[in-house]
C-alpha atoms as a PDB file:
ATOM      1  CA  UNK A   1     108.367 162.546  20.165  1.00  0.00           C
ATOM      2  CA  UNK A   2     111.664 160.064  20.929  1.00  0.00           C
ATOM      3  CA  UNK A   3     113.661 161.234  24.645  1.00  0.00           C
ATOM      4  CA  UNK A   4     116.356 163.738  23.851  1.00  0.00           C
ATOM      5  CA  UNK A   5     118.479 160.610  25.688  1.00  0.00           C
ATOM      6  CA  UNK A   6     117.282 158.011  22.619  1.00  0.00           C
ATOM      7  CA  UNK A   7     116.911 160.282  19.161  1.00  0.00           C
ATOM      8  CA  UNK A   8     118.833 158.758  16.260  1.00  0.00           C
ATOM      9  CA  UNK A   9     121.978 160.268  15.063  1.00  0.00           C
ATOM     10  CA  UNK A  10     121.487 160.177  11.826  1.00  0.00           C
ATOM     11  CA  UNK A  11     119.933 163.583  10.951  1.00  0.00           C
ATOM     12  CA  UNK A  12     121.617 166.505   8.977  1.00  0.00           C
ATOM     13  CA  UNK A  13     121.493 170.089  10.468  1.00  0.00           C
ATOM     14  CA  UNK A  14     119.104 171.869   8.736  1.00  0.00           C
ATOM     15  CA  UNK A  15     119.278 175.031   7.015  1.00  0.00           C
ATOM     16  CA  UNK A  16     117.538 176.702   9.809  1.00  0.00           C
ATOM     17  CA  UNK A  17     120.054 175.408  12.701  1.00  0.00           C
ATOM     18  CA  UNK A  18     122.898 176.728  10.225  1.00  0.00           C
ATOM     19  CA  UNK A  19     121.932 180.003   9.232  1.00  0.00           C
ATOM     20  CA  UNK A  20     120.819 180.605  13.023  1.00  0.00           C
ATOM     21  CA  UNK A  21     124.023 179.901  14.402  1.00  0.00           C
ATOM     22  CA  UNK A  22     126.249 181.374  11.393  1.00  0.00           C
ATOM     23  CA  UNK A  23     124.454 184.672  12.346  1.00  0.00           C
ATOM     24  CA  UNK A  24     124.516 184.683  15.926  1.00  0.00           C
ATOM     25  CA  UNK A  25     126.410 181.939  17.271  1.00  0.00           C
ATOM     26  CA  UNK A  26     125.491 181.593  21.464  1.00  0.00           C
ATOM     27  CA  UNK A  27     128.649 180.596  23.170  1.00  0.00           C
ATOM     28  CA  UNK A  28     128.042 176.935  24.933  1.00  0.00           C
ATOM     29  CA  UNK A  29     129.148 174.272  26.866  1.00  0.00           C
ATOM     30  CA  UNK A  30     129.359 171.590  26.041  1.00  0.00           C
ATOM     31  CA  UNK A  31     130.176 168.333  28.222  1.00  0.00           C
ATOM     32  CA  UNK A  32     130.919 164.702  26.627  1.00  0.00           C
ATOM     33  CA  UNK A  33     131.414 162.335  28.986  1.00  0.00           C
ATOM     34  CA  UNK A  34     131.646 158.391  28.281  1.00  0.00           C
ATOM     35  CA  UNK A  35     133.913 155.276  29.059  1.00  0.00           C
ATOM     36  CA  UNK A  36     137.250 154.818  27.270  1.00  0.00           C
ATOM     37  CA  UNK A  37     137.222 154.216  23.534  1.00  0.00           C
ATOM     38  CA  UNK A  38     134.347 155.671  22.803  1.00  0.00           C
ATOM     39  CA  UNK A  39     135.571 158.001  20.611  1.00  0.00           C
ATOM     40  CA  UNK A  40     135.260 161.040  23.376  1.00  0.00           C
ATOM     41  CA  UNK A  41     138.514 162.976  22.401  1.00  0.00           C
ATOM     42  CA  UNK A  42     138.552 162.371  18.748  1.00  0.00           C
ATOM     43  CA  UNK A  43     135.031 163.733  18.384  1.00  0.00           C
ATOM     44  CA  UNK A  44     135.281 166.459  20.865  1.00  0.00           C
ATOM     45  CA  UNK A  45     138.455 167.781  19.046  1.00  0.00           C
ATOM     46  CA  UNK A  46     136.474 167.648  16.019  1.00  0.00           C
ATOM     47  CA  UNK A  47     133.291 169.421  17.506  1.00  0.00           C
ATOM     48  CA  UNK A  48     135.125 172.325  18.850  1.00  0.00           C
ATOM     49  CA  UNK A  49     137.024 172.696  15.762  1.00  0.00           C
ATOM     50  CA  UNK A  50     134.392 172.481  13.006  1.00  0.00           C
ATOM     51  CA  UNK A  51     132.567 175.514  15.280  1.00  0.00           C
ATOM     52  CA  UNK A  52     135.194 177.184  16.216  1.00  0.00           C
ATOM     53  CA  UNK A  53     135.307 176.296  20.245  1.00  0.00           C
ATOM     54  CA  UNK A  54     138.110 175.649  22.742  1.00  0.00           C
ATOM     55  CA  UNK A  55     138.800 172.125  23.697  1.00  0.00           C
ATOM     56  CA  UNK A  56     139.157 170.642  27.264  1.00  0.00           C
ATOM     57  CA  UNK A  57     140.498 166.900  27.733  1.00  0.00           C
ATOM     58  CA  UNK A  58     140.243 166.549  31.364  1.00  0.00           C
ATOM     59  CA  UNK A  59     141.344 162.978  30.875  1.00  0.00           C
ATOM     60  CA  UNK A  60     144.717 164.405  30.317  1.00  0.00           C
ATOM     61  CA  UNK A  61     145.083 166.327  33.235  1.00  0.00           C
ATOM     62  CA  UNK A  62     144.824 163.639  35.213  1.00  0.00           C
ATOM     63  CA  UNK A  63     147.243 161.797  33.182  1.00  0.00           C
ATOM     64  CA  UNK A  64     149.635 164.978  33.912  1.00  0.00           C
ATOM     65  CA  UNK A  65     149.237 164.884  37.407  1.00  0.00           C
ATOM     66  CA  UNK A  66     149.450 160.540  37.868  1.00  0.00           C
ATOM     67  CA  UNK A  67     152.598 161.214  35.277  1.00  0.00           C
ATOM     68  CA  UNK A  68     154.077 164.139  37.789  1.00  0.00           C
ATOM     69  CA  UNK A  69     153.774 161.849  41.009  1.00  0.00           C
ATOM     70  CA  UNK A  70     155.329 158.931  39.004  1.00  0.00           C
ATOM     71  CA  UNK A  71     158.290 161.313  37.906  1.00  0.00           C
ATOM     72  CA  UNK A  72     159.019 162.497  41.464  1.00  0.00           C
ATOM     73  CA  UNK A  73     159.193 159.526  43.362  1.00  0.00           C
ATOM     74  CA  UNK A  74     155.658 159.623  44.840  1.00  0.00           C
ATOM     75  CA  UNK A  75     154.052 156.217  45.749  1.00  0.00           C
ATOM     76  CA  UNK A  76     150.388 156.177  44.069  1.00  0.00           C
ATOM     77  CA  UNK A  77     149.450 153.139  46.011  1.00  0.00           C
ATOM     78  CA  UNK A  78     149.687 155.333  48.813  1.00  0.00           C
ATOM     79  CA  UNK A  79     146.663 158.077  49.123  1.00  0.00           C
ATOM     80  CA  UNK A  80     147.904 160.445  51.175  1.00  0.00           C
ATOM     81  CA  UNK A  81     150.661 160.385  50.109  1.00  0.00           C
ATOM     82  CA  UNK A  82     149.199 161.888  46.683  1.00  0.00           C
ATOM     83  CA  UNK A  83     146.793 163.964  48.536  1.00  0.00           C
ATOM     84  CA  UNK A  84     149.535 165.898  50.058  1.00  0.00           C
ATOM     85  CA  UNK A  85     151.788 166.228  46.764  1.00  0.00           C
ATOM     86  CA  UNK A  86     148.421 166.817  44.771  1.00  0.00           C
ATOM     87  CA  UNK A  87     148.538 170.796  44.971  1.00  0.00           C
ATOM     88  CA  UNK A  88     152.318 171.253  43.730  1.00  0.00           C
ATOM     89  CA  UNK A  89     152.579 170.543  40.085  1.00  0.00           C
ATOM     90  CA  UNK A  90     152.070 173.587  37.885  1.00  0.00           C
ATOM     91  CA  UNK A  91     149.625 171.884  34.916  1.00  0.00           C
ATOM     92  CA  UNK A  92     148.369 174.038  31.932  1.00  0.00           C
ATOM     93  CA  UNK A  93     146.503 173.045  29.461  1.00  0.00           C
ATOM     94  CA  UNK A  94     146.175 174.573  25.987  1.00  0.00           C
ATOM     95  CA  UNK A  95     142.638 174.593  24.201  1.00  0.00           C
ATOM     96  CA  UNK A  96     142.998 175.268  21.087  1.00  0.00           C
ATOM     97  CA  UNK A  97     141.216 171.775  19.531  1.00  0.00           C
ATOM     98  CA  UNK A  98     144.376 171.787  16.108  1.00  0.00           C
ATOM     99  CA  UNK A  99     146.863 171.903  18.647  1.00  0.00           C
ATOM    100  CA  UNK A 100     145.976 171.030  22.059  1.00  0.00           C
ATOM    101  CA  UNK A 101     148.838 171.143  24.583  1.00  0.00           C
ATOM    102  CA  UNK A 102     149.314 170.457  28.656  1.00  0.00           C
ATOM    103  CA  UNK A 103     152.202 171.032  30.354  1.00  0.00           C
ATOM    104  CA  UNK A 104     153.553 170.352  33.963  1.00  0.00           C
ATOM    105  CA  UNK A 105     155.696 172.626  35.673  1.00  0.00           C
ATOM    106  CA  UNK A 106     156.566 174.501  32.130  1.00  0.00           C
ATOM    107  CA  UNK A 107     157.609 170.469  30.590  1.00  0.00           C
ATOM    108  CA  UNK A 108     155.264 169.488  27.707  1.00  0.00           C
ATOM    109  CA  UNK A 109     154.292 166.313  29.051  1.00  0.00           C
ATOM    110  CA  UNK A 110     151.842 165.431  25.994  1.00  0.00           C
ATOM    111  CA  UNK A 111     154.162 162.234  24.897  1.00  0.00           C
ATOM    112  CA  UNK A 112     154.540 161.151  28.411  1.00  0.00           C
ATOM    113  CA  UNK A 113     151.298 160.959  30.036  1.00  0.00           C
ATOM    114  CA  UNK A 114     150.575 158.008  27.226  1.00  0.00           C
ATOM    115  CA  UNK A 115     152.924 155.735  28.853  1.00  0.00           C
ATOM    116  CA  UNK A 116     151.206 152.725  29.483  1.00  0.00           C
ATOM    117  CA  UNK A 117     152.473 153.308  33.340  1.00  0.00           C
ATOM    118  CA  UNK A 118     151.030 156.387  33.474  1.00  0.00           C
ATOM    119  CA  UNK A 119     147.718 154.356  32.043  1.00  0.00           C
ATOM    120  CA  UNK A 120     147.918 152.127  34.467  1.00  0.00           C
ATOM    121  CA  UNK A 121     147.923 153.845  37.523  1.00  0.00           C
ATOM    122  CA  UNK A 122     145.417 156.926  36.097  1.00  0.00           C
ATOM    123  CA  UNK A 123     142.496 155.724  37.676  1.00  0.00           C
ATOM    124  CA  UNK A 124     144.221 155.323  41.275  1.00  0.00           C
ATOM    125  CA  UNK A 125     145.382 158.488  41.140  1.00  0.00           C
ATOM    126  CA  UNK A 126     142.243 160.379  40.202  1.00  0.00           C
ATOM    127  CA  UNK A 127     140.496 158.388  42.896  1.00  0.00           C
ATOM    128  CA  UNK A 128     141.916 160.969  45.339  1.00  0.00           C
ATOM    129  CA  UNK A 129     139.449 163.221  47.064  1.00  0.00           C
ATOM    130  CA  UNK A 130     142.127 165.433  47.080  1.00  0.00           C
ATOM    131  CA  UNK A 131     143.308 165.003  43.453  1.00  0.00           C
ATOM    132  CA  UNK A 132     139.512 165.576  42.234  1.00  0.00           C
ATOM    133  CA  UNK A 133     139.097 168.678  44.349  1.00  0.00           C
ATOM    134  CA  UNK A 134     142.080 170.579  42.287  1.00  0.00           C
ATOM    135  CA  UNK A 135     141.670 168.917  38.960  1.00  0.00           C
ATOM    136  CA  UNK A 136     138.495 170.507  39.286  1.00  0.00           C
ATOM    137  CA  UNK A 137     139.168 173.383  39.962  1.00  0.00           C
ATOM    138  CA  UNK A 138     141.121 173.681  37.344  1.00  0.00           C
ATOM    139  CA  UNK A 139     138.507 172.643  34.882  1.00  0.00           C
ATOM    140  CA  UNK A 140     136.022 174.969  35.844  1.00  0.00           C
ATOM    141  CA  UNK A 141     138.467 178.266  35.439  1.00  0.00           C
ATOM    142  CA  UNK A 142     139.021 176.770  32.332  1.00  0.00           C
ATOM    143  CA  UNK A 143     135.485 176.932  31.255  1.00  0.00           C
ATOM    144  CA  UNK A 144     134.658 179.741  32.403  1.00  0.00           C
ATOM    145  CA  UNK A 145     137.540 181.604  30.575  1.00  0.00           C
ATOM    146  CA  UNK A 146     136.284 180.345  27.132  1.00  0.00           C
ATOM    147  CA  UNK A 147     134.030 183.855  25.852  1.00  0.00           C
ATOM    148  CA  UNK A 148     133.197 181.655  22.815  1.00  0.00           C
ATOM    149  CA  UNK A 149     132.257 178.165  23.987  1.00  0.00           C
ATOM    150  CA  UNK A 150     133.949 175.320  24.534  1.00  0.00           C
ATOM    151  CA  UNK A 151     133.847 171.267  24.407  1.00  0.00           C
ATOM    152  CA  UNK A 152     135.060 169.891  27.648  1.00  0.00           C
ATOM    153  CA  UNK A 153     135.278 166.005  27.427  1.00  0.00           C
ATOM    154  CA  UNK A 154     135.858 163.598  30.566  1.00  0.00           C
ATOM    155  CA  UNK A 155     133.990 161.019  32.998  1.00  0.00           C
ATOM    156  CA  UNK A 156     132.426 162.966  35.663  1.00  0.00           C
ATOM    157  CA  UNK A 157     132.171 166.302  33.401  1.00  0.00           C
ATOM    158  CA  UNK A 158     128.153 166.392  32.729  1.00  0.00           C
ATOM    159  CA  UNK A 159     127.881 165.131  36.335  1.00  0.00           C
ATOM    160  CA  UNK A 160     130.278 167.022  38.823  1.00  0.00           C
ATOM    161  CA  UNK A 161     132.580 169.561  37.027  1.00  0.00           C
ATOM    162  CA  UNK A 162     129.821 171.478  34.878  1.00  0.00           C
ATOM    163  CA  UNK A 163     126.623 170.275  35.999  1.00  0.00           C
ATOM    164  CA  UNK A 164     125.106 173.565  34.119  1.00  0.00           C
ATOM    165  CA  UNK A 165     126.398 172.545  31.099  1.00  0.00           C
ATOM    166  CA  UNK A 166     124.444 173.719  28.544  1.00  0.00           C
ATOM    167  CA  UNK A 167     124.225 170.764  26.088  1.00  0.00           C
ATOM    168  CA  UNK A 168     125.573 167.495  28.178  1.00  0.00           C
ATOM    169  CA  UNK A 169     126.232 164.170  25.895  1.00  0.00           C
ATOM    170  CA  UNK A 170     127.181 160.558  26.919  1.00  0.00           C
ATOM    171  CA  UNK A 171     128.900 158.560  24.424  1.00  0.00           C
ATOM    172  CA  UNK A 172     128.540 154.594  24.869  1.00  0.00           C
ATOM    173  CA  UNK A 173     129.797 151.418  22.853  1.00  0.00           C
ATOM    174  CA  UNK A 174     130.300 147.853  23.705  1.00  0.00           C
ATOM    175  CA  UNK A 175     133.209 147.089  25.133  1.00  0.00           C
ATOM    176  CA  UNK A 176     134.027 144.449  22.214  1.00  0.00           C
ATOM    177  CA  UNK A 177     133.681 147.687  19.678  1.00  0.00           C
ATOM    178  CA  UNK A 178     135.852 149.604  22.285  1.00  0.00           C
ATOM    179  CA  UNK A 179     138.712 147.108  22.293  1.00  0.00           C
ATOM    180  CA  UNK A 180     139.035 147.008  18.917  1.00  0.00           C
ATOM    181  CA  UNK A 181     139.190 150.701  18.575  1.00  0.00           C
ATOM    182  CA  UNK A 182     141.729 151.114  21.151  1.00  0.00           C
ATOM    183  CA  UNK A 183     143.582 147.910  19.594  1.00  0.00           C
ATOM    184  CA  UNK A 184     143.982 149.131  16.292  1.00  0.00           C
ATOM    185  CA  UNK A 185     145.773 152.064  17.743  1.00  0.00           C
ATOM    186  CA  UNK A 186     148.507 149.886  19.024  1.00  0.00           C
ATOM    187  CA  UNK A 187     149.872 147.661  16.628  1.00  0.00           C
ATOM    188  CA  UNK A 188     150.032 144.409  17.858  1.00  0.00           C
ATOM    189  CA  UNK A 189     147.545 145.003  20.389  1.00  0.00           C
ATOM    190  CA  UNK A 190     145.956 141.672  22.320  1.00  0.00           C
ATOM    191  CA  UNK A 191     142.125 142.945  21.527  1.00  0.00           C
ATOM    192  CA  UNK A 192     140.966 140.080  24.454  1.00  0.00           C
ATOM    193  CA  UNK A 193     143.399 141.812  27.103  1.00  0.00           C
ATOM    194  CA  UNK A 194     142.367 145.343  25.885  1.00  0.00           C
ATOM    195  CA  UNK A 195     138.404 144.724  26.304  1.00  0.00           C
ATOM    196  CA  UNK A 196     139.400 143.191  30.104  1.00  0.00           C
ATOM    197  CA  UNK A 197     141.808 146.327  30.737  1.00  0.00           C
ATOM    198  CA  UNK A 198     138.492 148.659  29.568  1.00  0.00           C
ATOM    199  CA  UNK A 199     135.842 146.309  31.893  1.00  0.00           C
ATOM    200  CA  UNK A 200     138.307 146.775  34.930  1.00  0.00           C
ATOM    201  CA  UNK A 201     138.810 150.493  34.213  1.00  0.00           C
ATOM    202  CA  UNK A 202     135.189 150.956  33.774  1.00  0.00           C
ATOM    203  CA  UNK A 203     134.507 148.961  36.852  1.00  0.00           C
ATOM    204  CA  UNK A 204     137.433 151.610  38.924  1.00  0.00           C
ATOM    205  CA  UNK A 205     135.653 154.927  37.319  1.00  0.00           C
ATOM    206  CA  UNK A 206     132.245 153.882  38.230  1.00  0.00           C
ATOM    207  CA  UNK A 207     132.995 152.672  41.788  1.00  0.00           C
ATOM    208  CA  UNK A 208     134.946 155.815  42.851  1.00  0.00           C
ATOM    209  CA  UNK A 209     133.198 157.111  45.961  1.00  0.00           C
ATOM    210  CA  UNK A 210     134.141 160.830  44.303  1.00  0.00           C
ATOM    211  CA  UNK A 211     132.804 161.585  41.006  1.00  0.00           C
ATOM    212  CA  UNK A 212     132.494 158.658  39.424  1.00  0.00           C
ATOM    213  CA  UNK A 213     131.753 157.757  36.057  1.00  0.00           C
ATOM    214  CA  UNK A 214     128.146 158.092  35.162  1.00  0.00           C
ATOM    215  CA  UNK A 215     125.536 159.621  33.153  1.00  0.00           C
ATOM    216  CA  UNK A 216     124.002 163.131  33.976  1.00  0.00           C
ATOM    217  CA  UNK A 217     119.795 162.959  33.788  1.00  0.00           C
ATOM    218  CA  UNK A 218     119.767 165.347  31.370  1.00  0.00           C
ATOM    219  CA  UNK A 219     122.315 164.372  29.371  1.00  0.00           C
ATOM    220  CA  UNK A 220     121.772 162.611  25.385  1.00  0.00           C
ATOM    221  CA  UNK A 221     123.235 159.494  25.345  1.00  0.00           C
ATOM    222  CA  UNK A 222     124.550 158.455  21.550  1.00  0.00           C
ATOM    223  CA  UNK A 223     126.004 154.307  21.255  1.00  0.00           C
ATOM    224  CA  UNK A 224     129.041 154.443  18.911  1.00  0.00           C
ATOM    225  CA  UNK A 225     129.308 151.303  18.403  1.00  0.00           C
ATOM    226  CA  UNK A 226     127.429 150.884  14.900  1.00  0.00           C
ATOM    227  CA  UNK A 227     128.505 154.569  14.311  1.00  0.00           C
ATOM    228  CA  UNK A 228     131.749 155.851  12.149  1.00  0.00           C
ATOM    229  CA  UNK A 229     133.664 158.376  13.776  1.00  0.00           C
ATOM    230  CA  UNK A 230     132.551 161.353  10.766  1.00  0.00           C
ATOM    231  CA  UNK A 231     128.799 160.025  11.870  1.00  0.00           C
ATOM    232  CA  UNK A 232     129.318 160.559  16.063  1.00  0.00           C
ATOM    233  CA  UNK A 233     130.943 163.900  14.642  1.00  0.00           C
ATOM    234  CA  UNK A 234     127.853 165.069  12.746  1.00  0.00           C
ATOM    235  CA  UNK A 235     125.388 163.720  15.415  1.00  0.00           C
ATOM    236  CA  UNK A 236     127.366 166.109  18.096  1.00  0.00           C
ATOM    237  CA  UNK A 237     127.397 168.837  15.786  1.00  0.00           C
ATOM    238  CA  UNK A 238     123.867 168.753  14.960  1.00  0.00           C
ATOM    239  CA  UNK A 239     122.940 168.504  18.419  1.00  0.00           C
ATOM    240  CA  UNK A 240     125.272 171.546  19.534  1.00  0.00           C
ATOM    241  CA  UNK A 241     124.023 173.777  16.463  1.00  0.00           C
ATOM    242  CA  UNK A 242     120.490 173.178  17.891  1.00  0.00           C
ATOM    243  CA  UNK A 243     121.371 173.891  21.030  1.00  0.00           C
ATOM    244  CA  UNK A 244     122.778 177.257  19.647  1.00  0.00           C
ATOM    245  CA  UNK A 245     120.194 178.222  17.975  1.00  0.00           C
ATOM    246  CA  UNK A 246     117.771 177.770  20.935  1.00  0.00           C
ATOM    247  CA  UNK A 247     116.066 174.283  19.624  1.00  0.00           C
END
């Protein structure tokens, strides 16, 4: 029998597992980690929607606090200034996978947090310990309040935020595949430049002292390089259903 982290993702959910989950689905916290471009957000939202679970995009929260810093004139290269300001913004995350929302001080930030400026600054802001402490507390509070279970995606969920999560999954993919996916999302994007930016982001996330991007020892690793999005979703749904059924 293969180790959990090496199991293939081509299996179908068995009738036994489907029926057990349908009869008495157990609430489960699913932690999905991995670097940019591995399909975390699309997979997490789809899995949560299919299984009736709540959904939390933790990366959006770090983007939100970064956007707030930039909007309010905080020098994000000044770690002391970022640390001091980290407690000020009120960040609220909606957990409906079909329509996730995020507001900062009552303002819809779902669009502004996806700008290139925020993207280029979020790693620096998220590396500040006070920021991570603040956002981690928010994430744990949301997870605790999800009575029916929740899919939480990010970079340090299984290792730091929710180390006791019932199921931990780590998505990976080659830098080339991730760059192609990201470039496909933006018309006219340069694949080589996108790949370079992803590698730089990987290094920043993996190398930070506080809660670095890392695979939890008990996480199931899923390499999405050669898989379609539907195949990745099917794989994760299978893993969650098995966990719910006590497999």
